[in-house]
């Protein structure tokens, strides 16, 4: 799959695993039961991946958890990305800066760490996004309607229409290379419905907020997918990777991931 672009790799994983489920790999040293391992973060991620790789459409490490551990954390992250070969890996980085800084961020994410896709913040405009989009084989998920409660502070601002709607419209304009996606949380299903209508059938929507944030799964599937029940990536992190404790934590993670994958598919088939 090395020569596949992001959308093709995503579609291939979805068909092969009959899945829209994305597992977030967000390590917390206080919850990982592998402290005796030489590289506990990588070993934890490896066991989660081994237990769930046939159930997912993608994995999504949040870079903050690795950066907080310094160089050791970043080494573990790089090893994790290298280990995952058969499904896309999305860098949950939420990057965004002036042009020359964004070029460096894009180089780090795509050339150094070799992620398949990244989340970016469009607040500074097209010049903070374009260096990522110029990697035409990679996916770029633009924050549109995020799942956190404070999203309302700015994303609900009304400028003849809601700010998140304007962002979605800009994504359509920026999608020259067909490598744009958007982030829209399951915690705001009605807004998710509007965003799908704006971006159309072929733009993937990364949907966080399922699990610990108590997003509405049924509406996330109904409103976030396209008319074929595809092009949505429904992400869950803590409720899967920390579902079990002790030496068999990966078995419990698989059970929860399998159950969630099957619930998603149940709702997909009702569309």
Protein backbone atom coordinates (compact mmCIF):
# COMPACT_ATOMS: atom_id res chain seq x y z
CA UNK A 1 0.00 0.00 0.00
CA UNK A 2 3.04 2.29 0.01
CA UNK A 3 2.04 3.95 -3.29
CA UNK A 4 -1.63 4.50 -2.44
CA UNK A 5 -2.87 7.99 -1.75
CA UNK A 6 -4.72 8.59 1.48
CA UNK A 7 -8.26 8.28 0.15
CA UNK A 8 -7.49 5.02 -1.64
CA UNK A 9 -5.77 3.60 1.43
CA UNK A 10 -8.72 4.66 3.59
CA UNK A 11 -11.26 3.11 1.22
CA UNK A 12 -9.26 -0.10 1.00
CA UNK A 13 -9.11 -0.45 4.79
CA UNK A 14 -12.82 0.29 5.10
CA UNK A 15 -13.79 -2.38 2.57
CA UNK A 16 -11.34 -4.98 3.86
CA UNK A 17 -12.35 -4.59 7.50
CA UNK A 18 -15.99 -3.59 6.87
CA UNK A 19 -15.39 -0.65 9.17
CA UNK A 20 -15.60 3.09 9.82
CA UNK A 21 -13.98 2.76 13.23
CA UNK A 22 -10.83 4.70 14.09
CA UNK A 23 -8.92 3.95 17.29
CA UNK A 24 -7.11 6.84 18.94
CA UNK A 25 -3.70 5.92 20.32
CA UNK A 26 -3.40 8.38 23.21
CA UNK A 27 -0.98 6.91 25.77
CA UNK A 28 -1.22 7.86 29.44
CA UNK A 29 1.66 6.52 31.53
CA UNK A 30 -0.61 6.40 34.56
CA UNK A 31 -2.91 3.90 32.82
CA UNK A 32 -0.50 1.74 30.84
CA UNK A 33 0.20 -1.63 32.55
CA UNK A 34 3.57 -2.20 30.88
CA UNK A 35 6.02 -0.08 32.88
CA UNK A 36 8.59 -2.89 32.97
CA UNK A 37 8.90 -2.91 29.18
CA UNK A 38 11.89 -1.24 27.56
CA UNK A 39 9.53 0.99 25.54
CA UNK A 40 6.16 0.83 27.32
CA UNK A 41 4.40 3.28 25.00
CA UNK A 42 5.31 1.38 21.84
CA UNK A 43 4.58 -1.99 23.40
CA UNK A 44 1.17 -0.75 24.55
CA UNK A 45 0.36 0.64 21.11
CA UNK A 46 1.63 -2.50 19.41
CA UNK A 47 -0.65 -4.74 21.44
CA UNK A 48 -3.65 -2.47 20.79
CA UNK A 49 -2.87 -2.50 17.07
CA UNK A 50 -2.36 -6.27 16.98
CA UNK A 51 -5.69 -6.74 18.73
CA UNK A 52 -7.72 -4.38 16.53
CA UNK A 53 -6.08 -4.00 13.11
CA UNK A 54 -8.74 -6.13 11.41
CA UNK A 55 -11.52 -3.97 12.86
CA UNK A 56 -10.51 -0.42 11.97
CA UNK A 57 -10.42 2.05 9.13
CA UNK A 58 -7.56 4.06 10.69
CA UNK A 59 -5.51 4.83 13.79
CA UNK A 60 -5.15 8.33 15.22
CA UNK A 61 -2.31 9.13 17.63
CA UNK A 62 -2.69 12.48 19.37
CA UNK A 63 0.78 14.03 19.25
CA UNK A 64 0.35 15.88 22.54
CA UNK A 65 0.63 12.67 24.54
CA UNK A 66 3.93 11.78 22.88
CA UNK A 67 5.40 15.28 22.97
CA UNK A 68 4.70 15.41 26.71
CA UNK A 69 7.13 12.49 27.14
CA UNK A 70 9.98 14.24 25.35
CA UNK A 71 12.36 12.42 23.03
CA UNK A 72 11.35 9.00 24.33
CA UNK A 73 7.74 9.72 23.48
CA UNK A 74 8.59 10.89 19.98
CA UNK A 75 10.69 7.78 19.35
CA UNK A 76 7.77 5.63 20.48
CA UNK A 77 5.48 7.54 18.14
CA UNK A 78 7.78 7.01 15.17
CA UNK A 79 8.04 3.30 15.91
CA UNK A 80 4.25 3.10 16.17
CA UNK A 81 3.69 4.74 12.79
CA UNK A 82 6.29 2.45 11.20
CA UNK A 83 4.62 -0.61 12.73
CA UNK A 84 1.17 0.17 11.32
CA UNK A 85 1.33 -0.69 7.64
CA UNK A 86 -2.07 -1.87 6.47
CA UNK A 87 -4.38 0.98 7.53
CA UNK A 88 -3.95 4.78 7.44
CA UNK A 89 -2.45 6.61 10.41
CA UNK A 90 -3.75 10.12 11.12
CA UNK A 91 -1.62 12.58 13.09
CA UNK A 92 -3.98 14.34 15.47
CA UNK A 93 -1.76 17.42 15.58
CA UNK A 94 -4.12 20.38 14.97
CA UNK A 95 -1.26 22.33 13.42
CA UNK A 96 -1.56 25.82 11.94
CA UNK A 97 0.93 28.67 11.61
CA UNK A 98 2.39 31.17 9.17
CA UNK A 99 3.48 29.79 5.81
CA UNK A 100 7.16 29.05 6.47
CA UNK A 101 6.42 27.46 9.84
CA UNK A 102 3.59 25.40 8.39
CA UNK A 103 5.95 24.07 5.70
CA UNK A 104 8.18 22.80 8.52
CA UNK A 105 5.20 21.23 10.32
CA UNK A 106 4.13 19.50 7.09
CA UNK A 107 7.64 18.19 6.49
CA UNK A 108 7.79 16.81 10.03
CA UNK A 109 4.41 15.09 9.85
CA UNK A 110 4.69 13.66 6.34
CA UNK A 111 8.39 13.30 5.53
CA UNK A 112 9.89 12.55 8.93
CA UNK A 113 7.13 10.66 10.76
CA UNK A 114 5.43 9.45 7.55
CA UNK A 115 1.84 9.86 8.66
CA UNK A 116 -0.87 9.32 6.05
CA UNK A 117 -2.94 12.31 7.17
CA UNK A 118 -3.02 15.16 9.67
CA UNK A 119 -5.51 17.41 11.45
CA UNK A 120 -4.94 21.14 10.93
CA UNK A 121 -6.33 24.40 12.28
CA UNK A 122 -7.60 26.81 9.58
CA UNK A 123 -7.89 29.86 11.86
CA UNK A 124 -4.96 31.63 10.16
CA UNK A 125 -6.32 31.05 6.66
CA UNK A 126 -5.23 29.27 3.50
CA UNK A 127 -1.50 29.98 3.92
CA UNK A 128 -1.56 27.98 7.16
CA UNK A 129 -3.19 25.03 5.36
CA UNK A 130 -1.76 24.98 1.83
CA UNK A 131 1.68 23.54 2.71
CA UNK A 132 -0.12 20.44 3.99
CA UNK A 133 -2.43 20.29 0.96
CA UNK A 134 0.60 20.43 -1.35
CA UNK A 135 1.36 16.87 -0.22
CA UNK A 136 -1.24 15.65 -2.68
CA UNK A 137 -1.01 11.98 -1.68
CA UNK A 138 -1.74 12.80 1.97
CA UNK A 139 -5.00 13.58 3.79
CA UNK A 140 -5.61 16.92 5.49
CA UNK A 141 -8.47 17.11 8.02
CA UNK A 142 -9.45 20.70 8.72
CA UNK A 143 -11.02 21.50 12.07
CA UNK A 144 -14.60 22.53 11.39
CA UNK A 145 -16.94 21.70 14.30
CA UNK A 146 -14.90 20.15 17.06
CA UNK A 147 -16.30 17.91 19.79
CA UNK A 148 -15.22 19.89 22.88
CA UNK A 149 -17.70 22.05 24.88
CA UNK A 150 -15.66 25.23 24.32
CA UNK A 151 -16.06 24.90 20.55
CA UNK A 152 -19.08 27.21 20.85
CA UNK A 153 -16.85 30.13 21.85
CA UNK A 154 -15.83 30.69 18.24
CA UNK A 155 -17.35 28.06 15.97
CA UNK A 156 -20.92 29.20 16.73
CA UNK A 157 -20.18 32.85 15.93
CA UNK A 158 -22.73 34.04 13.41
CA UNK A 159 -21.35 35.93 10.43
CA UNK A 160 -24.43 35.81 8.18
CA UNK A 161 -23.96 32.09 8.77
CA UNK A 162 -22.16 30.09 11.44
CA UNK A 163 -18.38 30.15 11.37
CA UNK A 164 -18.18 26.34 11.13
CA UNK A 165 -20.34 26.53 7.98
CA UNK A 166 -17.96 29.06 6.44
CA UNK A 167 -15.02 26.76 7.24
CA UNK A 168 -16.81 23.87 5.53
CA UNK A 169 -17.38 26.03 2.44
CA UNK A 170 -13.70 26.99 2.36
CA UNK A 171 -12.74 23.31 2.50
CA UNK A 172 -14.75 22.74 -0.68
CA UNK A 173 -12.85 25.61 -2.33
CA UNK A 174 -9.46 24.34 -1.09
CA UNK A 175 -10.04 20.73 -2.12
CA UNK A 176 -8.20 21.11 -5.43
CA UNK A 177 -6.20 17.88 -4.99
CA UNK A 178 -9.14 15.93 -3.52
CA UNK A 179 -7.19 15.37 -0.30
CA UNK A 180 -9.23 17.52 2.10
CA UNK A 181 -11.30 16.22 4.97
CA UNK A 182 -13.02 17.92 7.88
CA UNK A 183 -13.26 17.29 11.60
CA UNK A 184 -16.79 17.43 13.02
CA UNK A 185 -17.68 16.00 16.40
CA UNK A 186 -20.38 13.46 17.22
CA UNK A 187 -21.33 15.68 20.15
CA UNK A 188 -22.96 18.13 17.70
CA UNK A 189 -24.99 15.89 15.35
CA UNK A 190 -27.19 18.58 13.80
CA UNK A 191 -24.13 20.61 12.85
CA UNK A 192 -22.55 17.44 11.49
CA UNK A 193 -25.58 16.99 9.23
CA UNK A 194 -25.15 20.52 7.87
CA UNK A 195 -21.44 19.99 7.28
CA UNK A 196 -22.01 16.80 5.29
CA UNK A 197 -24.51 18.68 3.11
CA UNK A 198 -21.95 21.43 2.47
CA UNK A 199 -18.88 19.30 1.73
CA UNK A 200 -20.73 16.72 -0.37
CA UNK A 201 -20.31 13.00 -0.92
CA UNK A 202 -16.57 12.63 -1.46
CA UNK A 203 -14.99 14.53 1.46
CA UNK A 204 -14.17 12.31 4.45
CA UNK A 205 -15.33 13.49 7.86
CA UNK A 206 -13.29 12.60 10.93
CA UNK A 207 -15.79 12.29 13.78
CA UNK A 208 -14.41 12.35 17.33
CA UNK A 209 -16.51 12.43 20.48
CA UNK A 210 -17.74 8.82 20.66
CA UNK A 211 -17.10 7.08 23.97
CA UNK A 212 -15.73 9.24 26.78
CA UNK A 213 -17.35 12.39 25.33
CA UNK A 214 -20.74 10.66 24.94
CA UNK A 215 -21.42 11.64 21.34
CA UNK A 216 -24.51 10.28 19.60
CA UNK A 217 -23.27 7.25 17.63
CA UNK A 218 -26.45 6.62 15.63
CA UNK A 219 -26.68 10.23 14.48
CA UNK A 220 -22.95 10.38 13.83
CA UNK A 221 -23.33 7.49 11.38
CA UNK A 222 -26.57 8.76 9.89
CA UNK A 223 -25.42 12.35 9.39
CA UNK A 224 -21.68 11.88 8.94
CA UNK A 225 -21.57 9.26 6.21
CA UNK A 226 -22.40 9.88 2.57
CA UNK A 227 -25.37 8.32 0.79
CA UNK A 228 -23.47 5.02 0.48
CA UNK A 229 -22.70 4.84 4.19
CA UNK A 230 -19.02 5.67 3.66
CA UNK A 231 -16.50 8.53 3.90
CA UNK A 232 -16.78 8.86 7.67
CA UNK A 233 -14.10 8.00 10.21
CA UNK A 234 -15.64 7.52 13.64
CA UNK A 235 -13.00 7.83 16.31
CA UNK A 236 -12.87 6.50 19.84
CA UNK A 237 -9.80 6.50 22.06
CA UNK A 238 -10.00 6.14 25.83
CA UNK A 239 -13.11 3.95 25.90
CA UNK A 240 -11.28 1.35 23.80
CA UNK A 241 -7.60 1.44 24.73
CA UNK A 242 -8.26 1.69 28.48
CA UNK A 243 -11.26 -0.64 28.57
CA UNK A 244 -9.20 -3.36 30.21
CA UNK A 245 -6.63 -3.45 32.97
CA UNK A 246 -3.82 -5.86 33.73
CA UNK A 247 -1.97 -8.17 31.38
CA UNK A 248 -4.98 -8.93 29.14
CA UNK A 249 -5.88 -5.28 28.46
CA UNK A 250 -5.60 -5.84 24.71
CA UNK A 251 -8.27 -8.56 24.72
CA UNK A 252 -10.76 -6.22 26.37
CA UNK A 253 -9.80 -3.46 23.93
CA UNK A 254 -10.60 -5.81 21.07
CA UNK A 255 -13.97 -6.74 22.58
CA UNK A 256 -14.96 -3.09 22.90
CA UNK A 257 -13.65 -2.20 19.44
CA UNK A 258 -15.50 -5.14 17.88
CA UNK A 259 -18.74 -4.17 19.58
CA UNK A 260 -18.40 -0.55 18.47
CA UNK A 261 -17.48 -1.52 14.89
CA UNK A 262 -20.56 -3.73 14.71
CA UNK A 263 -22.85 -1.03 16.15
CA UNK A 264 -21.57 1.41 13.56
CA UNK A 265 -22.26 -1.11 10.81
CA UNK A 266 -25.75 -1.74 12.14
CA UNK A 267 -26.53 1.96 11.75
CA UNK A 268 -24.78 2.08 8.35
CA UNK A 269 -27.03 -0.66 7.02
CA UNK A 270 -30.10 1.28 8.09
CA UNK A 271 -29.18 4.29 5.96
